[in-house]
Amino acid sequence: MGKTSSEVKDRYNRKAYDEIKLRVYKGRKSDIQAAADKAGLSLSAYIVKAVERQMSEDGFSQGGE
């Protein structure tokens, strides 16, 4: 991928997405990654799905899409 292509993708990602930095205890990332793999999801998609499920249980509506 060329520099121009990376810049275009980076610009789109900054415009379309918010970022959240997540810290977990050593060893937990591999556990979460294994669970995501088993579910057939990327690590990010797995975490977002878990957060959305919890938010739904807590009575928050889904927005931003």
PDB file of N, CA and C in Angstrom:
ATOM      1  N   MET A   1       0.854  -1.169   0.000  1.00  0.00           N
ATOM      2  CA  MET A   1       0.000   0.000   0.000  1.00  0.00           C
ATOM      3  C   MET A   1       0.898   1.229   0.000  1.00  0.00           C
ATOM      4  N   GLY A   2       0.622   2.137  -0.883  1.00  0.00           N
ATOM      5  CA  GLY A   2       1.431   3.338  -0.992  1.00  0.00           C
ATOM      6  C   GLY A   2       1.088   4.372   0.057  1.00  0.00           C
ATOM      7  N   LYS A   3       1.942   5.350   0.166  1.00  0.00           N
ATOM      8  CA  LYS A   3       1.758   6.401   1.162  1.00  0.00           C
ATOM      9  C   LYS A   3       0.436   7.138   0.951  1.00  0.00           C
ATOM     10  N   THR A   4       0.109   7.431  -0.283  1.00  0.00           N
ATOM     11  CA  THR A   4      -1.128   8.157  -0.578  1.00  0.00           C
ATOM     12  C   THR A   4      -2.342   7.362  -0.146  1.00  0.00           C
ATOM     13  N   SER A   5      -2.340   6.064  -0.428  1.00  0.00           N
ATOM     14  CA  SER A   5      -3.455   5.209  -0.048  1.00  0.00           C
ATOM     15  C   SER A   5      -3.610   5.169   1.473  1.00  0.00           C
ATOM     16  N   SER A   6      -2.502   5.066   2.187  1.00  0.00           N
ATOM     17  CA  SER A   6      -2.549   5.056   3.652  1.00  0.00           C
ATOM     18  C   SER A   6      -3.098   6.368   4.179  1.00  0.00           C
ATOM     19  N   GLU A   7      -2.674   7.460   3.608  1.00  0.00           N
ATOM     20  CA  GLU A   7      -3.155   8.772   4.047  1.00  0.00           C
ATOM     21  C   GLU A   7      -4.651   8.913   3.832  1.00  0.00           C
ATOM     22  N   VAL A   8      -5.144   8.425   2.701  1.00  0.00           N
ATOM     23  CA  VAL A   8      -6.576   8.506   2.403  1.00  0.00           C
ATOM     24  C   VAL A   8      -7.357   7.666   3.409  1.00  0.00           C
ATOM     25  N   LYS A   9      -6.890   6.462   3.673  1.00  0.00           N
ATOM     26  CA  LYS A   9      -7.569   5.596   4.649  1.00  0.00           C
ATOM     27  C   LYS A   9      -7.522   6.188   6.041  1.00  0.00           C
ATOM     28  N   ASP A  10      -6.379   6.744   6.427  1.00  0.00           N
ATOM     29  CA  ASP A  10      -6.257   7.376   7.739  1.00  0.00           C
ATOM     30  C   ASP A  10      -7.214   8.557   7.866  1.00  0.00           C
ATOM     31  N   ARG A  11      -7.304   9.350   6.822  1.00  0.00           N
ATOM     32  CA  ARG A  11      -8.203  10.509   6.834  1.00  0.00           C
ATOM     33  C   ARG A  11      -9.659  10.050   6.964  1.00  0.00           C
ATOM     34  N   TYR A  12     -10.033   9.007   6.216  1.00  0.00           N
ATOM     35  CA  TYR A  12     -11.394   8.475   6.307  1.00  0.00           C
ATOM     36  C   TYR A  12     -11.669   7.949   7.716  1.00  0.00           C
ATOM     37  N   ASN A  13     -10.729   7.179   8.268  1.00  0.00           N
ATOM     38  CA  ASN A  13     -10.925   6.604   9.599  1.00  0.00           C
ATOM     39  C   ASN A  13     -11.085   7.685  10.662  1.00  0.00           C
ATOM     40  N   ARG A  14     -10.310   8.771  10.566  1.00  0.00           N
ATOM     41  CA  ARG A  14     -10.450   9.875  11.518  1.00  0.00           C
ATOM     42  C   ARG A  14     -11.822  10.524  11.408  1.00  0.00           C
ATOM     43  N   LYS A  15     -12.343  10.579  10.184  1.00  0.00           N
ATOM     44  CA  LYS A  15     -13.636  11.212   9.948  1.00  0.00           C
ATOM     45  C   LYS A  15     -14.794  10.307  10.378  1.00  0.00           C
ATOM     46  N   ALA A  16     -14.661   8.996  10.174  1.00  0.00           N
ATOM     47  CA  ALA A  16     -15.778   8.078  10.357  1.00  0.00           C
ATOM     48  C   ALA A  16     -15.830   7.393  11.723  1.00  0.00           C
ATOM     49  N   TYR A  17     -14.717   7.345  12.431  1.00  0.00           N
ATOM     50  CA  TYR A  17     -14.661   6.561  13.658  1.00  0.00           C
ATOM     51  C   TYR A  17     -14.101   7.350  14.825  1.00  0.00           C
ATOM     52  N   ASP A  18     -14.587   7.030  16.009  1.00  0.00           N
ATOM     53  CA  ASP A  18     -13.960   7.468  17.251  1.00  0.00           C
ATOM     54  C   ASP A  18     -13.083   6.318  17.712  1.00  0.00           C
ATOM     55  N   GLU A  19     -12.029   6.633  18.445  1.00  0.00           N
ATOM     56  CA  GLU A  19     -11.146   5.597  18.964  1.00  0.00           C
ATOM     57  C   GLU A  19     -11.229   5.579  20.481  1.00  0.00           C
ATOM     58  N   ILE A  20     -11.142   4.385  21.039  1.00  0.00           N
ATOM     59  CA  ILE A  20     -11.102   4.185  22.478  1.00  0.00           C
ATOM     60  C   ILE A  20      -9.903   3.295  22.771  1.00  0.00           C
ATOM     61  N   LYS A  21      -9.038   3.764  23.625  1.00  0.00           N
ATOM     62  CA  LYS A  21      -7.898   2.935  24.022  1.00  0.00           C
ATOM     63  C   LYS A  21      -8.344   2.070  25.190  1.00  0.00           C
ATOM     64  N   LEU A  22      -8.074   0.792  25.093  1.00  0.00           N
ATOM     65  CA  LEU A  22      -8.510  -0.163  26.100  1.00  0.00           C
ATOM     66  C   LEU A  22      -7.292  -0.864  26.682  1.00  0.00           C
ATOM     67  N   ARG A  23      -7.199  -0.894  27.989  1.00  0.00           N
ATOM     68  CA  ARG A  23      -6.095  -1.588  28.651  1.00  0.00           C
ATOM     69  C   ARG A  23      -6.667  -2.784  29.411  1.00  0.00           C
ATOM     70  N   VAL A  24      -6.002  -3.913  29.273  1.00  0.00           N
ATOM     71  CA  VAL A  24      -6.388  -5.114  30.015  1.00  0.00           C
ATOM     72  C   VAL A  24      -5.133  -5.679  30.673  1.00  0.00           C
ATOM     73  N   TYR A  25      -5.326  -6.468  31.708  1.00  0.00           N
ATOM     74  CA  TYR A  25      -4.184  -7.075  32.375  1.00  0.00           C
ATOM     75  C   TYR A  25      -3.447  -8.013  31.429  1.00  0.00           C
ATOM     76  N   LYS A  26      -2.139  -8.141  31.653  1.00  0.00           N
ATOM     77  CA  LYS A  26      -1.304  -9.034  30.845  1.00  0.00           C
ATOM     78  C   LYS A  26      -1.965 -10.403  30.744  1.00  0.00           C
ATOM     79  N   GLY A  27      -1.983 -10.926  29.541  1.00  0.00           N
ATOM     80  CA  GLY A  27      -2.552 -12.248  29.299  1.00  0.00           C
ATOM     81  C   GLY A  27      -4.015 -12.234  28.902  1.00  0.00           C
ATOM     82  N   ARG A  28      -4.726 -11.180  29.282  1.00  0.00           N
ATOM     83  CA  ARG A  28      -6.159 -11.124  28.955  1.00  0.00           C
ATOM     84  C   ARG A  28      -6.414 -10.845  27.478  1.00  0.00           C
ATOM     85  N   LYS A  29      -5.517 -10.104  26.844  1.00  0.00           N
ATOM     86  CA  LYS A  29      -5.712  -9.810  25.417  1.00  0.00           C
ATOM     87  C   LYS A  29      -5.778 -11.107  24.622  1.00  0.00           C
ATOM     88  N   SER A  30      -4.893 -12.047  24.915  1.00  0.00           N
ATOM     89  CA  SER A  30      -4.905 -13.312  24.170  1.00  0.00           C
ATOM     90  C   SER A  30      -6.179 -14.100  24.466  1.00  0.00           C
ATOM     91  N   ASP A  31      -6.693 -14.006  25.699  1.00  0.00           N
ATOM     92  CA  ASP A  31      -7.963 -14.671  26.032  1.00  0.00           C
ATOM     93  C   ASP A  31      -9.117 -14.066  25.239  1.00  0.00           C
ATOM     94  N   ILE A  32      -9.143 -12.730  25.191  1.00  0.00           N
ATOM     95  CA  ILE A  32     -10.210 -12.036  24.462  1.00  0.00           C
ATOM     96  C   ILE A  32     -10.088 -12.315  22.966  1.00  0.00           C
ATOM     97  N   GLN A  33      -8.858 -12.322  22.448  1.00  0.00           N
ATOM     98  CA  GLN A  33      -8.632 -12.619  21.029  1.00  0.00           C
ATOM     99  C   GLN A  33      -9.107 -14.029  20.694  1.00  0.00           C
ATOM    100  N   ALA A  34      -8.836 -14.990  21.572  1.00  0.00           N
ATOM    101  CA  ALA A  34      -9.273 -16.369  21.353  1.00  0.00           C
ATOM    102  C   ALA A  34     -10.799 -16.456  21.319  1.00  0.00           C
ATOM    103  N   ALA A  35     -11.453 -15.718  22.213  1.00  0.00           N
ATOM    104  CA  ALA A  35     -12.917 -15.703  22.224  1.00  0.00           C
ATOM    105  C   ALA A  35     -13.462 -15.072  20.949  1.00  0.00           C
ATOM    106  N   ALA A  36     -12.827 -14.000  20.493  1.00  0.00           N
ATOM    107  CA  ALA A  36     -13.241 -13.339  19.248  1.00  0.00           C
ATOM    108  C   ALA A  36     -13.055 -14.276  18.061  1.00  0.00           C
ATOM    109  N   ASP A  37     -11.920 -14.971  18.029  1.00  0.00           N
ATOM    110  CA  ASP A  37     -11.668 -15.931  16.943  1.00  0.00           C
ATOM    111  C   ASP A  37     -12.733 -17.015  16.927  1.00  0.00           C
ATOM    112  N   LYS A  38     -13.054 -17.531  18.102  1.00  0.00           N
ATOM    113  CA  LYS A  38     -14.067 -18.591  18.206  1.00  0.00           C
ATOM    114  C   LYS A  38     -15.424 -18.103  17.717  1.00  0.00           C
ATOM    115  N   ALA A  39     -15.714 -16.817  17.963  1.00  0.00           N
ATOM    116  CA  ALA A  39     -16.981 -16.222  17.523  1.00  0.00           C
ATOM    117  C   ALA A  39     -16.945 -15.803  16.058  1.00  0.00           C
ATOM    118  N   GLY A  40     -15.760 -15.893  15.438  1.00  0.00           N
ATOM    119  CA  GLY A  40     -15.633 -15.503  14.036  1.00  0.00           C
ATOM    120  C   GLY A  40     -15.619 -14.003  13.833  1.00  0.00           C
ATOM    121  N   LEU A  41     -15.160 -13.269  14.846  1.00  0.00           N
ATOM    122  CA  LEU A  41     -15.144 -11.811  14.781  1.00  0.00           C
ATOM    123  C   LEU A  41     -13.729 -11.285  14.964  1.00  0.00           C
ATOM    124  N   SER A  42     -13.516 -10.068  14.486  1.00  0.00           N
ATOM    125  CA  SER A  42     -12.256  -9.400  14.792  1.00  0.00           C
ATOM    126  C   SER A  42     -12.270  -9.028  16.266  1.00  0.00           C
ATOM    127  N   LEU A  43     -11.112  -8.738  16.808  1.00  0.00           N
ATOM    128  CA  LEU A  43     -11.022  -8.330  18.210  1.00  0.00           C
ATOM    129  C   LEU A  43     -11.872  -7.083  18.448  1.00  0.00           C
ATOM    130  N   SER A  44     -11.761  -6.119  17.564  1.00  0.00           N
ATOM    131  CA  SER A  44     -12.529  -4.886  17.699  1.00  0.00           C
ATOM    132  C   SER A  44     -14.029  -5.154  17.641  1.00  0.00           C
ATOM    133  N   ALA A  45     -14.464  -5.939  16.679  1.00  0.00           N
ATOM    134  CA  ALA A  45     -15.894  -6.238  16.544  1.00  0.00           C
ATOM    135  C   ALA A  45     -16.422  -6.983  17.762  1.00  0.00           C
ATOM    136  N   TYR A  46     -15.616  -7.871  18.308  1.00  0.00           N
ATOM    137  CA  TYR A  46     -16.012  -8.636  19.489  1.00  0.00           C
ATOM    138  C   TYR A  46     -16.205  -7.703  20.687  1.00  0.00           C
ATOM    139  N   ILE A  47     -15.263  -6.783  20.881  1.00  0.00           N
ATOM    140  CA  ILE A  47     -15.353  -5.848  22.000  1.00  0.00           C
ATOM    141  C   ILE A  47     -16.556  -4.916  21.822  1.00  0.00           C
ATOM    142  N   VAL A  48     -16.749  -4.395  20.617  1.00  0.00           N
ATOM    143  CA  VAL A  48     -17.886  -3.509  20.355  1.00  0.00           C
ATOM    144  C   VAL A  48     -19.195  -4.248  20.617  1.00  0.00           C
ATOM    145  N   LYS A  49     -19.291  -5.488  20.170  1.00  0.00           N
ATOM    146  CA  LYS A  49     -20.508  -6.280  20.386  1.00  0.00           C
ATOM    147  C   LYS A  49     -20.766  -6.468  21.880  1.00  0.00           C
ATOM    148  N   ALA A  50     -19.722  -6.744  22.654  1.00  0.00           N
ATOM    149  CA  ALA A  50     -19.869  -6.918  24.099  1.00  0.00           C
ATOM    150  C   ALA A  50     -20.332  -5.622  24.764  1.00  0.00           C
ATOM    151  N   VAL A  51     -19.764  -4.503  24.353  1.00  0.00           N
ATOM    152  CA  VAL A  51     -20.146  -3.208  24.921  1.00  0.00           C
ATOM    153  C   VAL A  51     -21.597  -2.884  24.556  1.00  0.00           C
ATOM    154  N   GLU A  52     -21.961  -3.115  23.299  1.00  0.00           N
ATOM    155  CA  GLU A  52     -23.334  -2.832  22.871  1.00  0.00           C
ATOM    156  C   GLU A  52     -24.338  -3.698  23.608  1.00  0.00           C
ATOM    157  N   ARG A  53     -24.001  -4.966  23.849  1.00  0.00           N
ATOM    158  CA  ARG A  53     -24.882  -5.856  24.597  1.00  0.00           C
ATOM    159  C   ARG A  53     -25.078  -5.327  26.019  1.00  0.00           C
ATOM    160  N   GLN A  54     -23.993  -4.917  26.658  1.00  0.00           N
ATOM    161  CA  GLN A  54     -24.094  -4.385  28.023  1.00  0.00           C
ATOM    162  C   GLN A  54     -24.899  -3.097  28.052  1.00  0.00           C
ATOM    163  N   MET A  55     -24.664  -2.232  27.078  1.00  0.00           N
ATOM    164  CA  MET A  55     -25.419  -0.980  27.020  1.00  0.00           C
ATOM    165  C   MET A  55     -26.906  -1.244  26.850  1.00  0.00           C
ATOM    166  N   SER A  56     -27.259  -2.212  26.033  1.00  0.00           N
ATOM    167  CA  SER A  56     -28.659  -2.579  25.833  1.00  0.00           C
ATOM    168  C   SER A  56     -29.268  -3.076  27.136  1.00  0.00           C
ATOM    169  N   GLU A  57     -28.537  -3.920  27.852  1.00  0.00           N
ATOM    170  CA  GLU A  57     -29.015  -4.423  29.148  1.00  0.00           C
ATOM    171  C   GLU A  57     -29.198  -3.291  30.149  1.00  0.00           C
ATOM    172  N   ASP A  58     -28.363  -2.260  30.040  1.00  0.00           N
ATOM    173  CA  ASP A  58     -28.421  -1.124  30.946  1.00  0.00           C
ATOM    174  C   ASP A  58     -29.440  -0.063  30.510  1.00  0.00           C
ATOM    175  N   GLY A  59     -30.123  -0.302  29.392  1.00  0.00           N
ATOM    176  CA  GLY A  59     -31.176   0.591  28.938  1.00  0.00           C
ATOM    177  C   GLY A  59     -30.731   1.750  28.072  1.00  0.00           C
ATOM    178  N   PHE A  60     -29.509   1.678  27.547  1.00  0.00           N
ATOM    179  CA  PHE A  60     -29.042   2.734  26.646  1.00  0.00           C
ATOM    180  C   PHE A  60     -29.378   2.364  25.211  1.00  0.00           C
ATOM    181  N   SER A  61     -29.823   3.379  24.433  1.00  0.00           N
ATOM    182  CA  SER A  61     -30.126   3.124  23.035  1.00  0.00           C
ATOM    183  C   SER A  61     -28.838   3.094  22.228  1.00  0.00           C
ATOM    184  N   GLN A  62     -28.880   2.427  21.101  1.00  0.00           N
ATOM    185  CA  GLN A  62     -27.724   2.351  20.201  1.00  0.00           C
ATOM    186  C   GLN A  62     -27.795   3.540  19.262  1.00  0.00           C
ATOM    187  N   GLY A  63     -26.706   4.275  19.192  1.00  0.00           N
ATOM    188  CA  GLY A  63     -26.670   5.421  18.298  1.00  0.00           C
ATOM    189  C   GLY A  63     -25.334   5.503  17.599  1.00  0.00           C
ATOM    190  N   GLY A  64     -25.191   6.459  16.737  1.00  0.00           N
ATOM    191  CA  GLY A  64     -23.915   6.713  16.095  1.00  0.00           C
ATOM    192  C   GLY A  64     -23.694   5.977  14.800  1.00  0.00           C
ATOM    193  N   GLU A  65     -24.609   5.129  14.397  1.00  0.00           N
ATOM    194  CA  GLU A  65     -24.429   4.405  13.137  1.00  0.00           C
ATOM    195  C   GLU A  65     -25.291   4.995  12.069  1.00  0.00           C
TER     196      GLU A  65
END
